[in-house]
């Protein structure tokens, strides 16, 4: 009997594909949290969205799952500065600081989840 993927794989696929599509459908929130030191913010938002969609879809097939997981891990590391910047400008975003502080440790947990699914 073939091994069936765990339901958490499908949750990750929906999470990453959904978030990636939002980069294209509603880029403004992502542009607001882009650190100003980075060049070409719109292009970076679109590239990160495309990477999320590709990585999420790549998790679906055993042949691409490991590579997709490694790509998503790299992406999660790359976008971490935006999460920190979001905390620094929380007042401009009208978000409570405690929410963004609570969000920061979620990144390593998400990375662990991706790693587990990609094994």
N, C-alpha and C. Protein backbone atom coordinates (compact mmCIF):
# COMPACT_ATOMS: atom_id res chain seq x y z
N UNK A 1 0.85 -1.19 0.00
CA UNK A 1 0.00 0.00 0.00
C UNK A 1 0.89 1.25 0.00
N UNK A 2 0.67 2.17 -0.93
CA UNK A 2 1.52 3.37 -0.98
C UNK A 2 1.29 4.25 0.24
N UNK A 3 2.37 4.94 0.59
CA UNK A 3 2.32 5.88 1.72
C UNK A 3 1.49 7.10 1.34
N UNK A 4 0.52 7.43 2.18
CA UNK A 4 -0.28 8.64 1.95
C UNK A 4 0.31 9.79 2.75
N UNK A 5 0.44 10.96 2.13
CA UNK A 5 0.99 12.11 2.86
C UNK A 5 0.09 12.50 4.04
N UNK A 6 0.73 12.99 5.06
CA UNK A 6 0.03 13.46 6.25
C UNK A 6 -0.77 14.72 5.91
N UNK A 7 -1.87 14.91 6.58
CA UNK A 7 -2.74 16.07 6.31
C UNK A 7 -1.99 17.39 6.46
N UNK A 8 -0.95 17.43 7.31
CA UNK A 8 -0.24 18.70 7.52
C UNK A 8 0.47 19.15 6.25
N UNK A 9 0.80 18.21 5.36
CA UNK A 9 1.39 18.59 4.08
C UNK A 9 0.41 19.46 3.30
N UNK A 10 -0.84 19.05 3.27
CA UNK A 10 -1.85 19.81 2.52
C UNK A 10 -2.13 21.16 3.16
N UNK A 11 -2.06 21.22 4.48
CA UNK A 11 -2.23 22.51 5.16
C UNK A 11 -1.11 23.46 4.76
N UNK A 12 0.12 22.96 4.72
CA UNK A 12 1.25 23.79 4.29
C UNK A 12 1.10 24.24 2.84
N UNK A 13 0.65 23.34 1.98
CA UNK A 13 0.45 23.71 0.57
C UNK A 13 -0.54 24.86 0.47
N UNK A 14 -1.67 24.74 1.14
CA UNK A 14 -2.70 25.79 1.10
C UNK A 14 -2.15 27.08 1.69
N UNK A 15 -1.40 26.97 2.79
CA UNK A 15 -0.84 28.16 3.44
C UNK A 15 0.11 28.90 2.50
N UNK A 16 1.05 28.17 1.91
CA UNK A 16 2.04 28.83 1.06
C UNK A 16 1.46 29.29 -0.27
N UNK A 17 0.65 28.48 -0.90
CA UNK A 17 0.06 28.89 -2.18
C UNK A 17 -0.87 30.08 -1.95
N UNK A 18 -1.68 30.02 -0.89
CA UNK A 18 -2.59 31.13 -0.59
C UNK A 18 -1.84 32.42 -0.30
N UNK A 19 -0.82 32.33 0.54
CA UNK A 19 -0.02 33.52 0.87
C UNK A 19 0.70 34.04 -0.37
N UNK A 20 1.21 33.13 -1.18
CA UNK A 20 1.90 33.56 -2.40
C UNK A 20 0.99 34.28 -3.36
N UNK A 21 -0.22 33.77 -3.53
CA UNK A 21 -1.18 34.43 -4.41
C UNK A 21 -1.56 35.82 -3.91
N UNK A 22 -1.61 35.98 -2.59
CA UNK A 22 -1.93 37.30 -2.04
C UNK A 22 -0.88 38.33 -2.40
N UNK A 23 0.37 37.91 -2.61
CA UNK A 23 1.41 38.85 -3.04
C UNK A 23 1.05 39.49 -4.39
N UNK A 24 0.33 38.75 -5.22
CA UNK A 24 -0.07 39.26 -6.53
C UNK A 24 -1.41 39.99 -6.48
N UNK A 25 -2.34 39.46 -5.69
CA UNK A 25 -3.69 40.02 -5.63
C UNK A 25 -3.76 41.27 -4.77
N UNK A 26 -3.00 41.31 -3.69
CA UNK A 26 -3.01 42.44 -2.75
C UNK A 26 -1.58 42.73 -2.29
N UNK A 27 -0.75 43.29 -3.16
CA UNK A 27 0.66 43.50 -2.80
C UNK A 27 0.90 44.62 -1.79
N UNK A 28 -0.04 45.52 -1.60
CA UNK A 28 0.19 46.70 -0.74
C UNK A 28 0.65 46.33 0.68
N UNK A 29 0.01 45.38 1.36
CA UNK A 29 0.49 45.07 2.72
C UNK A 29 1.93 44.56 2.74
N UNK A 30 2.32 43.83 1.72
CA UNK A 30 3.69 43.32 1.66
C UNK A 30 4.68 44.44 1.35
N UNK A 31 4.26 45.38 0.52
CA UNK A 31 5.12 46.52 0.21
C UNK A 31 5.36 47.39 1.44
N UNK A 32 4.34 47.50 2.30
CA UNK A 32 4.48 48.33 3.51
C UNK A 32 5.49 47.75 4.49
N UNK A 33 5.69 46.44 4.49
CA UNK A 33 6.61 45.84 5.46
C UNK A 33 7.98 45.54 4.86
N UNK A 34 8.20 46.00 3.65
CA UNK A 34 9.50 45.79 2.99
C UNK A 34 10.51 46.77 3.59
N UNK A 35 11.59 46.27 4.16
CA UNK A 35 12.61 47.20 4.70
C UNK A 35 13.11 48.14 3.60
N UNK A 36 13.22 49.42 3.92
CA UNK A 36 13.58 50.41 2.89
C UNK A 36 14.97 50.22 2.30
N UNK A 37 15.83 49.47 2.98
CA UNK A 37 17.19 49.25 2.47
C UNK A 37 17.21 48.33 1.26
N UNK A 38 16.14 47.58 1.06
CA UNK A 38 16.11 46.62 -0.04
C UNK A 38 15.70 47.29 -1.35
N UNK A 39 16.37 46.92 -2.44
CA UNK A 39 16.04 47.53 -3.73
C UNK A 39 14.80 46.87 -4.35
N UNK A 40 14.15 47.58 -5.24
CA UNK A 40 13.04 47.06 -6.04
C UNK A 40 12.00 46.31 -5.21
N UNK A 41 11.35 47.01 -4.27
CA UNK A 41 10.42 46.32 -3.37
C UNK A 41 9.29 45.58 -4.08
N UNK A 42 8.73 46.18 -5.12
CA UNK A 42 7.63 45.50 -5.82
C UNK A 42 8.10 44.19 -6.45
N UNK A 43 9.27 44.22 -7.07
CA UNK A 43 9.79 43.02 -7.67
C UNK A 43 10.05 41.95 -6.60
N UNK A 44 10.59 42.35 -5.46
CA UNK A 44 10.85 41.40 -4.38
C UNK A 44 9.56 40.80 -3.83
N UNK A 45 8.52 41.61 -3.73
CA UNK A 45 7.22 41.09 -3.27
C UNK A 45 6.70 40.05 -4.26
N UNK A 46 6.78 40.37 -5.55
CA UNK A 46 6.29 39.43 -6.56
C UNK A 46 7.16 38.17 -6.62
N UNK A 47 8.47 38.32 -6.50
CA UNK A 47 9.35 37.15 -6.51
C UNK A 47 9.10 36.25 -5.30
N UNK A 48 8.92 36.87 -4.13
CA UNK A 48 8.66 36.06 -2.95
C UNK A 48 7.30 35.37 -3.05
N UNK A 49 6.33 36.05 -3.65
CA UNK A 49 5.02 35.41 -3.87
C UNK A 49 5.14 34.23 -4.82
N UNK A 50 5.89 34.41 -5.89
CA UNK A 50 6.09 33.31 -6.84
C UNK A 50 6.82 32.15 -6.18
N UNK A 51 7.80 32.47 -5.34
CA UNK A 51 8.53 31.41 -4.63
C UNK A 51 7.62 30.66 -3.67
N UNK A 52 6.72 31.37 -3.01
CA UNK A 52 5.78 30.70 -2.11
C UNK A 52 4.84 29.76 -2.88
N UNK A 53 4.33 30.24 -4.00
CA UNK A 53 3.43 29.41 -4.81
C UNK A 53 4.20 28.18 -5.32
N UNK A 54 5.38 28.40 -5.89
CA UNK A 54 6.16 27.29 -6.44
C UNK A 54 6.56 26.30 -5.34
N UNK A 55 7.00 26.82 -4.21
CA UNK A 55 7.39 25.94 -3.12
C UNK A 55 6.21 25.16 -2.56
N UNK A 56 5.09 25.84 -2.40
CA UNK A 56 3.89 25.16 -1.90
C UNK A 56 3.45 24.06 -2.84
N UNK A 57 3.40 24.36 -4.13
CA UNK A 57 3.01 23.33 -5.10
C UNK A 57 4.05 22.21 -5.18
N UNK A 58 5.31 22.58 -5.04
CA UNK A 58 6.37 21.58 -5.09
C UNK A 58 6.30 20.56 -3.96
N UNK A 59 5.68 20.94 -2.85
CA UNK A 59 5.52 20.00 -1.73
C UNK A 59 4.58 18.84 -2.09
N UNK A 60 3.74 19.03 -3.09
CA UNK A 60 2.73 18.03 -3.41
C UNK A 60 3.32 16.74 -3.98
N UNK A 61 4.43 16.81 -4.69
CA UNK A 61 4.98 15.64 -5.37
C UNK A 61 6.23 15.15 -4.65
N UNK A 62 6.28 13.85 -4.38
CA UNK A 62 7.47 13.30 -3.71
C UNK A 62 8.78 13.63 -4.43
N UNK A 63 8.76 13.68 -5.75
CA UNK A 63 9.99 13.95 -6.51
C UNK A 63 10.51 15.36 -6.28
N UNK A 64 9.65 16.30 -5.96
CA UNK A 64 10.07 17.70 -5.78
C UNK A 64 9.96 18.16 -4.33
N UNK A 65 9.43 17.33 -3.47
CA UNK A 65 9.13 17.75 -2.08
C UNK A 65 10.37 18.22 -1.34
N UNK A 66 11.46 17.48 -1.42
CA UNK A 66 12.66 17.86 -0.67
C UNK A 66 13.21 19.20 -1.16
N UNK A 67 13.27 19.38 -2.49
CA UNK A 67 13.77 20.65 -3.04
C UNK A 67 12.84 21.81 -2.70
N UNK A 68 11.55 21.56 -2.76
CA UNK A 68 10.57 22.60 -2.40
C UNK A 68 10.73 23.00 -0.94
N UNK A 69 10.93 22.01 -0.08
CA UNK A 69 11.10 22.31 1.34
C UNK A 69 12.36 23.15 1.56
N UNK A 70 13.46 22.80 0.91
CA UNK A 70 14.68 23.58 1.06
C UNK A 70 14.49 25.01 0.54
N UNK A 71 13.77 25.14 -0.57
CA UNK A 71 13.49 26.48 -1.10
C UNK A 71 12.63 27.30 -0.15
N UNK A 72 11.63 26.66 0.43
CA UNK A 72 10.76 27.37 1.38
C UNK A 72 11.53 27.74 2.65
N UNK A 73 12.42 26.88 3.09
CA UNK A 73 13.24 27.22 4.26
C UNK A 73 14.12 28.44 3.97
N UNK A 74 14.71 28.47 2.79
CA UNK A 74 15.52 29.64 2.40
C UNK A 74 14.65 30.89 2.32
N UNK A 75 13.46 30.74 1.77
CA UNK A 75 12.55 31.88 1.67
C UNK A 75 12.16 32.39 3.05
N UNK A 76 11.85 31.49 3.96
CA UNK A 76 11.46 31.91 5.31
C UNK A 76 12.60 32.64 6.02
N UNK A 77 13.82 32.22 5.77
CA UNK A 77 14.97 32.96 6.31
C UNK A 77 15.08 34.34 5.66
N UNK A 78 14.87 34.38 4.35
CA UNK A 78 15.02 35.64 3.62
C UNK A 78 13.98 36.68 4.01
N UNK A 79 12.77 36.25 4.36
CA UNK A 79 11.73 37.22 4.68
C UNK A 79 11.70 37.59 6.16
N UNK A 80 12.52 36.94 6.96
CA UNK A 80 12.53 37.26 8.39
C UNK A 80 12.82 38.74 8.66
N UNK A 81 13.74 39.39 7.94
CA UNK A 81 13.95 40.83 8.17
C UNK A 81 12.67 41.66 7.99
N UNK A 82 11.81 41.25 7.08
CA UNK A 82 10.54 41.98 6.91
C UNK A 82 9.67 41.83 8.16
N UNK A 83 9.71 40.66 8.79
CA UNK A 83 8.95 40.47 10.02
C UNK A 83 9.49 41.35 11.15
N UNK A 84 10.81 41.47 11.22
CA UNK A 84 11.43 42.34 12.22
C UNK A 84 11.09 43.80 11.91
N UNK A 85 11.20 44.19 10.65
CA UNK A 85 10.88 45.56 10.25
C UNK A 85 9.42 45.88 10.57
N UNK A 86 8.55 44.92 10.37
CA UNK A 86 7.13 45.09 10.68
C UNK A 86 6.96 45.43 12.16
N UNK A 87 7.71 44.77 13.01
CA UNK A 87 7.67 45.06 14.44
C UNK A 87 8.16 46.48 14.72
N UNK A 88 9.21 46.88 14.04
CA UNK A 88 9.77 48.22 14.26
C UNK A 88 8.81 49.33 13.85
N UNK A 89 7.98 49.09 12.85
CA UNK A 89 7.06 50.14 12.37
C UNK A 89 5.61 49.83 12.75
N UNK A 90 5.41 49.03 13.79
CA UNK A 90 4.06 48.58 14.15
C UNK A 90 3.07 49.71 14.34
N UNK A 91 3.52 50.86 14.83
CA UNK A 91 2.59 51.98 15.03
C UNK A 91 2.07 52.51 13.69
N UNK A 92 2.93 52.58 12.70
CA UNK A 92 2.50 53.03 11.37
C UNK A 92 1.51 52.05 10.75
N UNK A 93 1.64 50.78 11.12
CA UNK A 93 0.76 49.74 10.59
C UNK A 93 -0.52 49.58 11.41
N UNK A 94 -0.57 50.30 12.53
CA UNK A 94 -1.72 50.21 13.45
C UNK A 94 -1.91 48.79 13.97
N UNK A 95 -0.78 48.17 14.32
CA UNK A 95 -0.80 46.82 14.89
C UNK A 95 -0.14 46.86 16.27
N UNK A 96 -0.69 46.13 17.23
CA UNK A 96 -0.06 46.11 18.55
C UNK A 96 1.29 45.37 18.50
N UNK A 97 2.26 45.92 19.19
CA UNK A 97 3.60 45.33 19.19
C UNK A 97 3.58 43.90 19.71
N UNK A 98 2.74 43.60 20.69
CA UNK A 98 2.75 42.25 21.28
C UNK A 98 2.38 41.19 20.24
N UNK A 99 1.51 41.55 19.28
CA UNK A 99 1.13 40.60 18.24
C UNK A 99 2.34 40.26 17.37
N UNK A 100 3.11 41.28 17.05
CA UNK A 100 4.27 41.07 16.19
C UNK A 100 5.42 40.40 16.93
N UNK A 101 5.56 40.69 18.24
CA UNK A 101 6.53 39.95 19.04
C UNK A 101 6.15 38.48 19.10
N UNK A 102 4.86 38.22 19.25
CA UNK A 102 4.38 36.83 19.32
C UNK A 102 4.58 36.12 17.97
N UNK A 103 4.54 36.88 16.91
CA UNK A 103 4.68 36.30 15.57
C UNK A 103 6.11 35.84 15.27
N UNK A 104 7.10 36.54 15.81
CA UNK A 104 8.50 36.22 15.49
C UNK A 104 8.86 34.76 15.79
N UNK A 105 8.49 34.19 16.95
CA UNK A 105 8.86 32.79 17.19
C UNK A 105 8.08 31.81 16.31
N UNK A 106 7.04 32.27 15.66
CA UNK A 106 6.29 31.38 14.78
C UNK A 106 7.10 31.02 13.53
N UNK A 107 8.02 31.90 13.15
CA UNK A 107 8.84 31.64 11.96
C UNK A 107 9.68 30.37 12.12
N UNK A 108 10.41 30.20 13.24
CA UNK A 108 11.15 28.94 13.39
C UNK A 108 10.22 27.72 13.48
N UNK A 109 9.06 27.88 14.07
CA UNK A 109 8.10 26.76 14.12
C UNK A 109 7.62 26.39 12.72
N UNK A 110 7.37 27.40 11.90
CA UNK A 110 6.96 27.14 10.52
C UNK A 110 8.10 26.47 9.75
N UNK A 111 9.32 26.90 10.03
CA UNK A 111 10.48 26.30 9.37
C UNK A 111 10.61 24.83 9.78
N UNK A 112 10.39 24.54 11.05
CA UNK A 112 10.44 23.15 11.52
C UNK A 112 9.38 22.31 10.81
N UNK A 113 8.18 22.88 10.68
CA UNK A 113 7.07 22.18 10.02
C UNK A 113 7.43 21.85 8.56
N UNK A 114 7.96 22.86 7.86
CA UNK A 114 8.38 22.66 6.47
C UNK A 114 9.45 21.58 6.39
N UNK A 115 10.42 21.64 7.30
CA UNK A 115 11.49 20.64 7.31
C UNK A 115 10.93 19.24 7.53
N UNK A 116 10.00 19.10 8.48
CA UNK A 116 9.40 17.79 8.77
C UNK A 116 8.64 17.25 7.55
N UNK A 117 7.88 18.10 6.91
CA UNK A 117 7.11 17.66 5.74
C UNK A 117 8.05 17.32 4.59
N UNK A 118 9.15 18.04 4.47
CA UNK A 118 10.07 17.84 3.36
C UNK A 118 11.01 16.67 3.50
N UNK A 119 11.03 16.01 4.65
CA UNK A 119 11.94 14.87 4.84
C UNK A 119 11.53 13.67 4.02
